Amino acid sequence: LSGTNLSGTTLPLNLSSVNLSGVDLSKRNLSGFNFSNSNLSGTNLSGTTLPLNLSSVNLSGVDLSKRDLSSFNFSNSNLSGTNLSGTTLPLNLSSVNLSGVDLSKRCKCFKHQSR
């Protein structure tokens, strides 16, 4: 489905292992969707509600700026080259590919868990 125009299309909830690179998914509620092992690189996600579990997803080059992602699971995901300016990130990013992302200048402070 890479590069396909999906405007006005109803998508299945299970999009696991699907190549959606470069697809416009803007202004959609994708909160109940499964994207595990999918390629969303370069996808337009502006105004989109995302699922909390984005583990093992390729999100390289995606604009995730100005979002609160502190409750999201990005384990084993690729966020290389992703725009994270003004974004609040989860505490655990140990298995996330963040190459090309300058966290010191492009992100808000990590949201700390209450104790």
PDB file of N, CA and C in Angstrom:
ATOM      1  N   LEU A   1       0.813  -1.210   0.000  1.00  0.00           N
ATOM      2  CA  LEU A   1       0.000   0.000   0.000  1.00  0.00           C
ATOM      3  C   LEU A   1       0.847   1.262   0.000  1.00  0.00           C
ATOM      4  N   SER A   2       2.146   1.105  -0.128  1.00  0.00           N
ATOM      5  CA  SER A   2       3.059   2.239  -0.093  1.00  0.00           C
ATOM      6  C   SER A   2       2.656   3.299  -1.111  1.00  0.00           C
ATOM      7  N   GLY A   3       2.511   4.555  -0.614  1.00  0.00           N
ATOM      8  CA  GLY A   3       2.199   5.678  -1.487  1.00  0.00           C
ATOM      9  C   GLY A   3       0.767   5.721  -1.992  1.00  0.00           C
ATOM     10  N   THR A   4      -0.080   4.820  -1.578  1.00  0.00           N
ATOM     11  CA  THR A   4      -1.470   4.747  -2.034  1.00  0.00           C
ATOM     12  C   THR A   4      -2.301   5.862  -1.414  1.00  0.00           C
ATOM     13  N   ASN A   5      -3.226   6.424  -2.166  1.00  0.00           N
ATOM     14  CA  ASN A   5      -4.149   7.428  -1.649  1.00  0.00           C
ATOM     15  C   ASN A   5      -5.280   6.698  -0.937  1.00  0.00           C
ATOM     16  N   LEU A   6      -5.326   6.830   0.390  1.00  0.00           N
ATOM     17  CA  LEU A   6      -6.330   6.128   1.182  1.00  0.00           C
ATOM     18  C   LEU A   6      -7.410   7.066   1.727  1.00  0.00           C
ATOM     19  N   SER A   7      -7.496   8.283   1.218  1.00  0.00           N
ATOM     20  CA  SER A   7      -8.497   9.223   1.724  1.00  0.00           C
ATOM     21  C   SER A   7      -9.900   8.673   1.472  1.00  0.00           C
ATOM     22  N   GLY A   8     -10.722   8.753   2.506  1.00  0.00           N
ATOM     23  CA  GLY A   8     -12.084   8.256   2.415  1.00  0.00           C
ATOM     24  C   GLY A   8     -12.212   6.747   2.508  1.00  0.00           C
ATOM     25  N   THR A   9     -11.102   6.058   2.759  1.00  0.00           N
ATOM     26  CA  THR A   9     -11.100   4.601   2.822  1.00  0.00           C
ATOM     27  C   THR A   9     -11.242   4.123   4.263  1.00  0.00           C
ATOM     28  N   THR A  10     -12.055   3.106   4.472  1.00  0.00           N
ATOM     29  CA  THR A  10     -12.137   2.472   5.780  1.00  0.00           C
ATOM     30  C   THR A  10     -11.051   1.411   5.850  1.00  0.00           C
ATOM     31  N   LEU A  11     -10.207   1.522   6.853  1.00  0.00           N
ATOM     32  CA  LEU A  11      -9.082   0.601   6.994  1.00  0.00           C
ATOM     33  C   LEU A  11      -9.414  -0.518   7.970  1.00  0.00           C
ATOM     34  N   PRO A  12      -8.855  -1.705   7.758  1.00  0.00           N
ATOM     35  CA  PRO A  12      -9.034  -2.789   8.743  1.00  0.00           C
ATOM     36  C   PRO A  12      -8.253  -2.462  10.007  1.00  0.00           C
ATOM     37  N   LEU A  13      -8.709  -2.955  11.156  1.00  0.00           N
ATOM     38  CA  LEU A  13      -8.038  -2.686  12.429  1.00  0.00           C
ATOM     39  C   LEU A  13      -6.671  -3.358  12.514  1.00  0.00           C
ATOM     40  N   ASN A  14      -6.485  -4.474  11.832  1.00  0.00           N
ATOM     41  CA  ASN A  14      -5.207  -5.177  11.875  1.00  0.00           C
ATOM     42  C   ASN A  14      -4.386  -4.831  10.635  1.00  0.00           C
ATOM     43  N   LEU A  15      -3.416  -3.946  10.828  1.00  0.00           N
ATOM     44  CA  LEU A  15      -2.505  -3.562   9.755  1.00  0.00           C
ATOM     45  C   LEU A  15      -1.087  -4.006  10.092  1.00  0.00           C
ATOM     46  N   SER A  16      -0.985  -5.117  10.778  1.00  0.00           N
ATOM     47  CA  SER A  16       0.299  -5.683  11.153  1.00  0.00           C
ATOM     48  C   SER A  16       1.070  -6.118   9.908  1.00  0.00           C
ATOM     49  N   SER A  17       2.357  -5.784   9.888  1.00  0.00           N
ATOM     50  CA  SER A  17       3.273  -6.166   8.798  1.00  0.00           C
ATOM     51  C   SER A  17       2.874  -5.604   7.437  1.00  0.00           C
ATOM     52  N   VAL A  18       2.265  -4.424   7.414  1.00  0.00           N
ATOM     53  CA  VAL A  18       1.844  -3.783   6.170  1.00  0.00           C
ATOM     54  C   VAL A  18       2.771  -2.608   5.871  1.00  0.00           C
ATOM     55  N   ASN A  19       3.121  -2.421   4.600  1.00  0.00           N
ATOM     56  CA  ASN A  19       3.938  -1.292   4.187  1.00  0.00           C
ATOM     57  C   ASN A  19       3.022  -0.122   3.842  1.00  0.00           C
ATOM     58  N   LEU A  20       2.991   0.873   4.743  1.00  0.00           N
ATOM     59  CA  LEU A  20       2.184   2.071   4.539  1.00  0.00           C
ATOM     60  C   LEU A  20       3.075   3.302   4.381  1.00  0.00           C
ATOM     61  N   SER A  21       4.307   3.109   3.947  1.00  0.00           N
ATOM     62  CA  SER A  21       5.235   4.234   3.833  1.00  0.00           C
ATOM     63  C   SER A  21       4.714   5.267   2.844  1.00  0.00           C
ATOM     64  N   GLY A  22       4.802   6.535   3.252  1.00  0.00           N
ATOM     65  CA  GLY A  22       4.395   7.637   2.397  1.00  0.00           C
ATOM     66  C   GLY A  22       2.902   7.813   2.232  1.00  0.00           C
ATOM     67  N   VAL A  23       2.104   7.083   2.987  1.00  0.00           N
ATOM     68  CA  VAL A  23       0.643   7.167   2.882  1.00  0.00           C
ATOM     69  C   VAL A  23       0.128   8.325   3.742  1.00  0.00           C
ATOM     70  N   ASP A  24      -0.925   8.982   3.312  1.00  0.00           N
ATOM     71  CA  ASP A  24      -1.544  10.063   4.072  1.00  0.00           C
ATOM     72  C   ASP A  24      -2.595   9.461   5.003  1.00  0.00           C
ATOM     73  N   LEU A  25      -2.270   9.423   6.285  1.00  0.00           N
ATOM     74  CA  LEU A  25      -3.215   8.938   7.307  1.00  0.00           C
ATOM     75  C   LEU A  25      -3.642  10.079   8.232  1.00  0.00           C
ATOM     76  N   SER A  26      -3.541  11.303   7.742  1.00  0.00           N
ATOM     77  CA  SER A  26      -3.846  12.469   8.572  1.00  0.00           C
ATOM     78  C   SER A  26      -5.318  12.521   8.977  1.00  0.00           C
ATOM     79  N   LYS A  27      -5.525  13.099  10.154  1.00  0.00           N
ATOM     80  CA  LYS A  27      -6.864  13.364  10.690  1.00  0.00           C
ATOM     81  C   LYS A  27      -7.732  12.120  10.819  1.00  0.00           C
ATOM     82  N   ARG A  28      -7.112  11.016  11.219  1.00  0.00           N
ATOM     83  CA  ARG A  28      -7.849   9.762  11.440  1.00  0.00           C
ATOM     84  C   ARG A  28      -7.715   9.339  12.889  1.00  0.00           C
ATOM     85  N   ASN A  29      -8.694   8.609  13.368  1.00  0.00           N
ATOM     86  CA  ASN A  29      -8.588   7.994  14.689  1.00  0.00           C
ATOM     87  C   ASN A  29      -8.114   6.564  14.486  1.00  0.00           C
ATOM     88  N   LEU A  30      -6.840   6.333  14.791  1.00  0.00           N
ATOM     89  CA  LEU A  30      -6.237   5.013  14.617  1.00  0.00           C
ATOM     90  C   LEU A  30      -5.964   4.354  15.972  1.00  0.00           C
ATOM     91  N   SER A  31      -6.619   4.835  17.009  1.00  0.00           N
ATOM     92  CA  SER A  31      -6.312   4.394  18.374  1.00  0.00           C
ATOM     93  C   SER A  31      -6.504   2.898  18.601  1.00  0.00           C
ATOM     94  N   GLY A  32      -7.369   2.235  17.900  1.00  0.00           N
ATOM     95  CA  GLY A  32      -7.593   0.806  18.110  1.00  0.00           C
ATOM     96  C   GLY A  32      -6.895  -0.088  17.103  1.00  0.00           C
ATOM     97  N   PHE A  33      -5.984   0.483  16.329  1.00  0.00           N
ATOM     98  CA  PHE A  33      -5.342  -0.258  15.247  1.00  0.00           C
ATOM     99  C   PHE A  33      -4.083  -0.982  15.706  1.00  0.00           C
ATOM    100  N   ASN A  34      -3.749  -2.066  15.009  1.00  0.00           N
ATOM    101  CA  ASN A  34      -2.526  -2.828  15.256  1.00  0.00           C
ATOM    102  C   ASN A  34      -1.575  -2.582  14.089  1.00  0.00           C
ATOM    103  N   PHE A  35      -0.441  -1.915  14.386  1.00  0.00           N
ATOM    104  CA  PHE A  35       0.568  -1.621  13.371  1.00  0.00           C
ATOM    105  C   PHE A  35       1.869  -2.376  13.624  1.00  0.00           C
ATOM    106  N   SER A  36       1.871  -3.395  14.466  1.00  0.00           N
ATOM    107  CA  SER A  36       3.122  -4.083  14.794  1.00  0.00           C
ATOM    108  C   SER A  36       3.800  -4.606  13.527  1.00  0.00           C
ATOM    109  N   ASN A  37       5.107  -4.394  13.468  1.00  0.00           N
ATOM    110  CA  ASN A  37       5.947  -4.800  12.330  1.00  0.00           C
ATOM    111  C   ASN A  37       5.570  -4.115  11.022  1.00  0.00           C
ATOM    112  N   SER A  38       4.880  -2.981  11.095  1.00  0.00           N
ATOM    113  CA  SER A  38       4.495  -2.253   9.885  1.00  0.00           C
ATOM    114  C   SER A  38       5.494  -1.150   9.574  1.00  0.00           C
ATOM    115  N   ASN A  39       5.506  -0.717   8.319  1.00  0.00           N
ATOM    116  CA  ASN A  39       6.355   0.370   7.870  1.00  0.00           C
ATOM    117  C   ASN A  39       5.493   1.604   7.650  1.00  0.00           C
ATOM    118  N   LEU A  40       5.642   2.585   8.543  1.00  0.00           N
ATOM    119  CA  LEU A  40       4.920   3.849   8.420  1.00  0.00           C
ATOM    120  C   LEU A  40       5.890   4.993   8.114  1.00  0.00           C
ATOM    121  N   SER A  41       7.060   4.676   7.596  1.00  0.00           N
ATOM    122  CA  SER A  41       8.058   5.717   7.333  1.00  0.00           C
ATOM    123  C   SER A  41       7.521   6.741   6.340  1.00  0.00           C
ATOM    124  N   GLY A  42       7.742   8.018   6.691  1.00  0.00           N
ATOM    125  CA  GLY A  42       7.314   9.100   5.814  1.00  0.00           C
ATOM    126  C   GLY A  42       5.815   9.277   5.712  1.00  0.00           C
ATOM    127  N   THR A  43       5.072   8.624   6.570  1.00  0.00           N
ATOM    128  CA  THR A  43       3.610   8.706   6.553  1.00  0.00           C
ATOM    129  C   THR A  43       3.143  10.022   7.164  1.00  0.00           C
ATOM    130  N   ASN A  44       2.098  10.626   6.607  1.00  0.00           N
ATOM    131  CA  ASN A  44       1.527  11.851   7.153  1.00  0.00           C
ATOM    132  C   ASN A  44       0.567  11.467   8.271  1.00  0.00           C
ATOM    133  N   LEU A  45       0.949  11.805   9.507  1.00  0.00           N
ATOM    134  CA  LEU A  45       0.123  11.487  10.673  1.00  0.00           C
ATOM    135  C   LEU A  45      -0.377  12.746  11.373  1.00  0.00           C
ATOM    136  N   SER A  46      -0.389  13.885  10.697  1.00  0.00           N
ATOM    137  CA  SER A  46      -0.822  15.124  11.338  1.00  0.00           C
ATOM    138  C   SER A  46      -2.307  15.045  11.693  1.00  0.00           C
ATOM    139  N   GLY A  47      -2.610  15.438  12.935  1.00  0.00           N
ATOM    140  CA  GLY A  47      -3.984  15.408  13.412  1.00  0.00           C
ATOM    141  C   GLY A  47      -4.535  14.021  13.635  1.00  0.00           C
ATOM    142  N   THR A  48      -3.656  13.006  13.671  1.00  0.00           N
ATOM    143  CA  THR A  48      -4.081  11.621  13.819  1.00  0.00           C
ATOM    144  C   THR A  48      -3.981  11.164  15.264  1.00  0.00           C
ATOM    145  N   THR A  49      -4.996  10.455  15.741  1.00  0.00           N
ATOM    146  CA  THR A  49      -4.944   9.807  17.047  1.00  0.00           C
ATOM    147  C   THR A  49      -4.320   8.439  16.837  1.00  0.00           C
ATOM    148  N   LEU A  50      -3.202   8.209  17.542  1.00  0.00           N
ATOM    149  CA  LEU A  50      -2.431   6.979  17.350  1.00  0.00           C
ATOM    150  C   LEU A  50      -2.710   5.968  18.452  1.00  0.00           C
ATOM    151  N   PRO A  51      -2.491   4.681  18.162  1.00  0.00           N
ATOM    152  CA  PRO A  51      -2.609   3.664  19.222  1.00  0.00           C
ATOM    153  C   PRO A  51      -1.454   3.814  20.206  1.00  0.00           C
ATOM    154  N   LEU A  52      -1.671   3.450  21.462  1.00  0.00           N
ATOM    155  CA  LEU A  52      -0.624   3.552  22.482  1.00  0.00           C
ATOM    156  C   LEU A  52       0.497   2.553  22.251  1.00  0.00           C
ATOM    157  N   ASN A  53       0.208   1.450  21.585  1.00  0.00           N
ATOM    158  CA  ASN A  53       1.231   0.440  21.331  1.00  0.00           C
ATOM    159  C   ASN A  53       1.751   0.580  19.904  1.00  0.00           C
ATOM    160  N   LEU A  54       2.939   1.165  19.795  1.00  0.00           N
ATOM    161  CA  LEU A  54       3.600   1.296  18.501  1.00  0.00           C
ATOM    162  C   LEU A  54       4.932   0.559  18.524  1.00  0.00           C
ATOM    163  N   SER A  55       4.946  -0.576  19.213  1.00  0.00           N
ATOM    164  CA  SER A  55       6.174  -1.371  19.276  1.00  0.00           C
ATOM    165  C   SER A  55       6.429  -2.043  17.937  1.00  0.00           C
ATOM    166  N   SER A  56       7.705  -2.134  17.586  1.00  0.00           N
ATOM    167  CA  SER A  56       8.149  -2.781  16.342  1.00  0.00           C
ATOM    168  C   SER A  56       7.558  -2.142  15.094  1.00  0.00           C
ATOM    169  N   VAL A  57       7.432  -0.812  15.098  1.00  0.00           N
ATOM    170  CA  VAL A  57       6.902  -0.077  13.957  1.00  0.00           C
ATOM    171  C   VAL A  57       7.990   0.844  13.410  1.00  0.00           C
ATOM    172  N   ASN A  58       8.112   0.927  12.095  1.00  0.00           N
ATOM    173  CA  ASN A  58       9.041   1.856  11.470  1.00  0.00           C
ATOM    174  C   ASN A  58       8.330   3.187  11.277  1.00  0.00           C
ATOM    175  N   LEU A  59       8.725   4.176  12.089  1.00  0.00           N
ATOM    176  CA  LEU A  59       8.160   5.514  12.014  1.00  0.00           C
ATOM    177  C   LEU A  59       9.224   6.523  11.570  1.00  0.00           C
ATOM    178  N   SER A  60      10.240   6.062  10.867  1.00  0.00           N
ATOM    179  CA  SER A  60      11.327   6.954  10.471  1.00  0.00           C
ATOM    180  C   SER A  60      10.820   8.070   9.564  1.00  0.00           C
ATOM    181  N   GLY A  61      11.313   9.280   9.855  1.00  0.00           N
ATOM    182  CA  GLY A  61      10.963  10.434   9.038  1.00  0.00           C
ATOM    183  C   GLY A  61       9.560  10.962   9.232  1.00  0.00           C
ATOM    184  N   VAL A  62       8.860  10.500  10.258  1.00  0.00           N
ATOM    185  CA  VAL A  62       7.484  10.931  10.517  1.00  0.00           C
ATOM    186  C   VAL A  62       7.497  12.157  11.434  1.00  0.00           C
ATOM    187  N   ASP A  63       6.545  13.044  11.266  1.00  0.00           N
ATOM    188  CA  ASP A  63       6.408  14.215  12.122  1.00  0.00           C
ATOM    189  C   ASP A  63       5.527  13.859  13.313  1.00  0.00           C
ATOM    190  N   LEU A  64       6.160  13.716  14.477  1.00  0.00           N
ATOM    191  CA  LEU A  64       5.427  13.451  15.720  1.00  0.00           C
ATOM    192  C   LEU A  64       5.561  14.644  16.671  1.00  0.00           C
ATOM    193  N   SER A  65       5.773  15.820  16.127  1.00  0.00           N
ATOM    194  CA  SER A  65       5.995  17.007  16.949  1.00  0.00           C
ATOM    195  C   SER A  65       4.742  17.416  17.718  1.00  0.00           C
ATOM    196  N   LYS A  66       5.010  18.060  18.862  1.00  0.00           N
ATOM    197  CA  LYS A  66       3.962  18.655  19.705  1.00  0.00           C
ATOM    198  C   LYS A  66       2.905  17.652  20.150  1.00  0.00           C
ATOM    199  N   ARG A  67       3.362  16.470  20.556  1.00  0.00           N
ATOM    200  CA  ARG A  67       2.446  15.431  21.052  1.00  0.00           C
ATOM    201  C   ARG A  67       2.894  14.970  22.425  1.00  0.00           C
ATOM    202  N   ASP A  68       1.952  14.499  23.202  1.00  0.00           N
ATOM    203  CA  ASP A  68       2.280  13.838  24.461  1.00  0.00           C
ATOM    204  C   ASP A  68       2.289  12.343  24.188  1.00  0.00           C
ATOM    205  N   LEU A  69       3.486  11.795  24.065  1.00  0.00           N
ATOM    206  CA  LEU A  69       3.654  10.368  23.780  1.00  0.00           C
ATOM    207  C   LEU A  69       4.161   9.621  25.006  1.00  0.00           C
ATOM    208  N   SER A  70       4.011  10.223  26.173  1.00  0.00           N
ATOM    209  CA  SER A  70       4.578   9.659  27.400  1.00  0.00           C
ATOM    210  C   SER A  70       3.996   8.304  27.772  1.00  0.00           C
ATOM    211  N   SER A  71       2.812   7.965  27.322  1.00  0.00           N
ATOM    212  CA  SER A  71       2.187   6.676  27.638  1.00  0.00           C
ATOM    213  C   SER A  71       2.341   5.653  26.523  1.00  0.00           C
ATOM    214  N   PHE A  72       3.084   5.987  25.506  1.00  0.00           N
ATOM    215  CA  PHE A  72       3.215   5.118  24.335  1.00  0.00           C
ATOM    216  C   PHE A  72       4.314   4.082  24.516  1.00  0.00           C
ATOM    217  N   ASN A  73       4.161   2.948  23.851  1.00  0.00           N
ATOM    218  CA  ASN A  73       5.163   1.892  23.824  1.00  0.00           C
ATOM    219  C   ASN A  73       5.816   1.891  22.442  1.00  0.00           C
ATOM    220  N   PHE A  74       7.099   2.284  22.407  1.00  0.00           N
ATOM    221  CA  PHE A  74       7.856   2.317  21.158  1.00  0.00           C
ATOM    222  C   PHE A  74       8.949   1.252  21.132  1.00  0.00           C
ATOM    223  N   SER A  75       8.858   0.239  21.984  1.00  0.00           N
ATOM    224  CA  SER A  75       9.932  -0.756  22.045  1.00  0.00           C
ATOM    225  C   SER A  75      10.189  -1.387  20.676  1.00  0.00           C
ATOM    226  N   ASN A  76      11.473  -1.494  20.343  1.00  0.00           N
ATOM    227  CA  ASN A  76      11.935  -2.068  19.079  1.00  0.00           C
ATOM    228  C   ASN A  76      11.446  -1.314  17.845  1.00  0.00           C
ATOM    229  N   SER A  77      11.100  -0.035  18.010  1.00  0.00           N
ATOM    230  CA  SER A  77      10.634   0.765  16.878  1.00  0.00           C
ATOM    231  C   SER A  77      11.753   1.614  16.303  1.00  0.00           C
ATOM    232  N   ASN A  78      11.570   2.055  15.076  1.00  0.00           N
ATOM    233  CA  ASN A  78      12.525   2.916  14.393  1.00  0.00           C
ATOM    234  C   ASN A  78      11.951   4.319  14.325  1.00  0.00           C
ATOM    235  N   LEU A  79      12.559   5.235  15.088  1.00  0.00           N
ATOM    236  CA  LEU A  79      12.154   6.639  15.067  1.00  0.00           C
ATOM    237  C   LEU A  79      13.254   7.505  14.466  1.00  0.00           C
ATOM    238  N   SER A  80      14.147   6.909  13.692  1.00  0.00           N
ATOM    239  CA  SER A  80      15.258   7.670  13.127  1.00  0.00           C
ATOM    240  C   SER A  80      14.746   8.783  12.215  1.00  0.00           C
ATOM    241  N   GLY A  81      15.319   9.968  12.401  1.00  0.00           N
ATOM    242  CA  GLY A  81      14.945  11.107  11.575  1.00  0.00           C
ATOM    243  C   GLY A  81      13.558  11.645  11.834  1.00  0.00           C
ATOM    244  N   THR A  82      12.929  11.207  12.910  1.00  0.00           N
ATOM    245  CA  THR A  82      11.575  11.640  13.243  1.00  0.00           C
ATOM    246  C   THR A  82      11.598  13.023  13.871  1.00  0.00           C
ATOM    247  N   ASN A  83      10.627  13.863  13.537  1.00  0.00           N
ATOM    248  CA  ASN A  83      10.514  15.186  14.144  1.00  0.00           C
ATOM    249  C   ASN A  83       9.824  15.036  15.491  1.00  0.00           C
ATOM    250  N   LEU A  84      10.582  15.273  16.559  1.00  0.00           N
ATOM    251  CA  LEU A  84      10.051  15.142  17.915  1.00  0.00           C
ATOM    252  C   LEU A  84      10.065  16.474  18.656  1.00  0.00           C
ATOM    253  N   SER A  85      10.105  17.589  17.949  1.00  0.00           N
ATOM    254  CA  SER A  85      10.150  18.893  18.608  1.00  0.00           C
ATOM    255  C   SER A  85       8.862  19.136  19.382  1.00  0.00           C
ATOM    256  N   GLY A  86       9.026  19.597  20.627  1.00  0.00           N
ATOM    257  CA  GLY A  86       7.882  19.874  21.482  1.00  0.00           C
ATOM    258  C   GLY A  86       7.133  18.643  21.929  1.00  0.00           C
ATOM    259  N   THR A  87       7.760  17.476  21.835  1.00  0.00           N
ATOM    260  CA  THR A  87       7.108  16.211  22.166  1.00  0.00           C
ATOM    261  C   THR A  87       7.529  15.717  23.538  1.00  0.00           C
ATOM    262  N   THR A  88       6.584  15.200  24.307  1.00  0.00           N
ATOM    263  CA  THR A  88       6.875  14.542  25.571  1.00  0.00           C
ATOM    264  C   THR A  88       6.966  13.050  25.288  1.00  0.00           C
ATOM    265  N   LEU A  89       8.110  12.468  25.650  1.00  0.00           N
ATOM    266  CA  LEU A  89       8.384  11.069  25.329  1.00  0.00           C
ATOM    267  C   LEU A  89       8.278  10.177  26.558  1.00  0.00           C
ATOM    268  N   PRO A  90       8.095   8.874  26.349  1.00  0.00           N
ATOM    269  CA  PRO A  90       8.084   7.932  27.478  1.00  0.00           C
ATOM    270  C   PRO A  90       9.480   7.825  28.101  1.00  0.00           C
ATOM    271  N   LEU A  91       9.529   7.366  29.329  1.00  0.00           N
ATOM    272  CA  LEU A  91      10.812   7.207  30.021  1.00  0.00           C
ATOM    273  C   LEU A  91      11.690   6.155  29.387  1.00  0.00           C
ATOM    274  N   ASN A  92      11.123   5.057  28.946  1.00  0.00           N
ATOM    275  CA  ASN A  92      11.923   3.948  28.427  1.00  0.00           C
ATOM    276  C   ASN A  92      11.982   3.985  26.903  1.00  0.00           C
ATOM    277  N   LEU A  93      13.145   4.366  26.400  1.00  0.00           N
ATOM    278  CA  LEU A  93      13.386   4.356  24.955  1.00  0.00           C
ATOM    279  C   LEU A  93      14.623   3.517  24.642  1.00  0.00           C
ATOM    280  N   SER A  94      14.927   2.570  25.527  1.00  0.00           N
ATOM    281  CA  SER A  94      16.180   1.823  25.424  1.00  0.00           C
ATOM    282  C   SER A  94      16.299   0.959  24.169  1.00  0.00           C
ATOM    283  N   SER A  95      15.227   0.485  23.614  1.00  0.00           N
ATOM    284  CA  SER A  95      15.319  -0.375  22.432  1.00  0.00           C
ATOM    285  C   SER A  95      14.791   0.316  21.174  1.00  0.00           C
ATOM    286  N   VAL A  96      14.815   1.652  21.195  1.00  0.00           N
ATOM    287  CA  VAL A  96      14.282   2.443  20.086  1.00  0.00           C
ATOM    288  C   VAL A  96      15.415   3.030  19.264  1.00  0.00           C
ATOM    289  N   ASN A  97      15.331   2.945  17.944  1.00  0.00           N
ATOM    290  CA  ASN A  97      16.315   3.552  17.064  1.00  0.00           C
ATOM    291  C   ASN A  97      15.998   5.037  16.936  1.00  0.00           C
ATOM    292  N   LEU A  98      16.859   5.866  17.524  1.00  0.00           N
ATOM    293  CA  LEU A  98      16.691   7.314  17.494  1.00  0.00           C
ATOM    294  C   LEU A  98      17.821   7.994  16.722  1.00  0.00           C
ATOM    295  N   SER A  99      18.451   7.273  15.804  1.00  0.00           N
ATOM    296  CA  SER A  99      19.565   7.862  15.062  1.00  0.00           C
ATOM    297  C   SER A  99      19.081   9.072  14.262  1.00  0.00           C
ATOM    298  N   GLY A 100      19.890  10.123  14.317  1.00  0.00           N
ATOM    299  CA  GLY A 100      19.551  11.348  13.609  1.00  0.00           C
ATOM    300  C   GLY A 100      18.579  12.233  14.338  1.00  0.00           C
ATOM    301  N   VAL A 101      18.214  11.889  15.576  1.00  0.00           N
ATOM    302  CA  VAL A 101      17.297  12.703  16.366  1.00  0.00           C
ATOM    303  C   VAL A 101      18.087  13.312  17.525  1.00  0.00           C
ATOM    304  N   ASP A 102      18.075  14.630  17.630  1.00  0.00           N
ATOM    305  CA  ASP A 102      18.766  15.324  18.718  1.00  0.00           C
ATOM    306  C   ASP A 102      17.762  15.559  19.843  1.00  0.00           C
ATOM    307  N   LEU A 103      17.754  14.678  20.808  1.00  0.00           N
ATOM    308  CA  LEU A 103      16.791  14.765  21.903  1.00  0.00           C
ATOM    309  C   LEU A 103      17.043  15.959  22.819  1.00  0.00           C
ATOM    310  N   SER A 104      18.273  16.434  22.884  1.00  0.00           N
ATOM    311  CA  SER A 104      18.578  17.550  23.790  1.00  0.00           C
ATOM    312  C   SER A 104      17.981  18.857  23.301  1.00  0.00           C
ATOM    313  N   LYS A 105      17.754  18.997  22.032  1.00  0.00           N
ATOM    314  CA  LYS A 105      17.240  20.255  21.489  1.00  0.00           C
ATOM    315  C   LYS A 105      15.842  20.151  20.909  1.00  0.00           C
ATOM    316  N   ARG A 106      15.385  18.944  20.668  1.00  0.00           N
ATOM    317  CA  ARG A 106      14.145  18.793  19.911  1.00  0.00           C
ATOM    318  C   ARG A 106      12.968  18.280  20.712  1.00  0.00           C
ATOM    319  N   CYS A 107      13.167  17.944  21.995  1.00  0.00           N
ATOM    320  CA  CYS A 107      12.074  17.346  22.765  1.00  0.00           C
ATOM    321  C   CYS A 107      11.883  18.056  24.086  1.00  0.00           C
ATOM    322  N   LYS A 108      10.669  17.998  24.584  1.00  0.00           N
ATOM    323  CA  LYS A 108      10.419  18.431  25.943  1.00  0.00           C
ATOM    324  C   LYS A 108      11.046  17.442  26.891  1.00  0.00           C
ATOM    325  N   CYS A 109      11.112  17.794  28.127  1.00  0.00           N
ATOM    326  CA  CYS A 109      11.644  16.865  29.135  1.00  0.00           C
ATOM    327  C   CYS A 109      10.781  15.625  29.180  1.00  0.00           C
ATOM    328  N   PHE A 110      11.432  14.516  29.510  1.00  0.00           N
ATOM    329  CA  PHE A 110      10.691  13.268  29.643  1.00  0.00           C
ATOM    330  C   PHE A 110       9.719  13.379  30.800  1.00  0.00           C
ATOM    331  N   LYS A 111       8.561  12.843  30.634  1.00  0.00           N
ATOM    332  CA  LYS A 111       7.560  12.867  31.690  1.00  0.00           C
ATOM    333  C   LYS A 111       7.937  11.833  32.731  1.00  0.00           C
ATOM    334  N   HIS A 112       8.073  12.263  33.953  1.00  0.00           N
ATOM    335  CA  HIS A 112       8.491  11.356  35.021  1.00  0.00           C
ATOM    336  C   HIS A 112       7.289  10.688  35.664  1.00  0.00           C
ATOM    337  N   GLN A 113       7.481   9.437  36.017  1.00  0.00           N
ATOM    338  CA  GLN A 113       6.418   8.684  36.653  1.00  0.00           C
ATOM    339  C   GLN A 113       6.265   9.108  38.104  1.00  0.00           C
ATOM    340  N   SER A 114       5.041   9.140  38.591  1.00  0.00           N
ATOM    341  CA  SER A 114       4.797   9.436  40.009  1.00  0.00           C
ATOM    342  C   SER A 114       5.224   8.280  40.853  1.00  0.00           C
ATOM    343  N   ARG A 115       5.752   8.568  42.008  1.00  0.00           N
ATOM    344  CA  ARG A 115       6.170   7.488  42.914  1.00  0.00           C
ATOM    345  C   ARG A 115       5.355   7.508  44.160  1.00  0.00           C
TER     346      ARG A 115
END
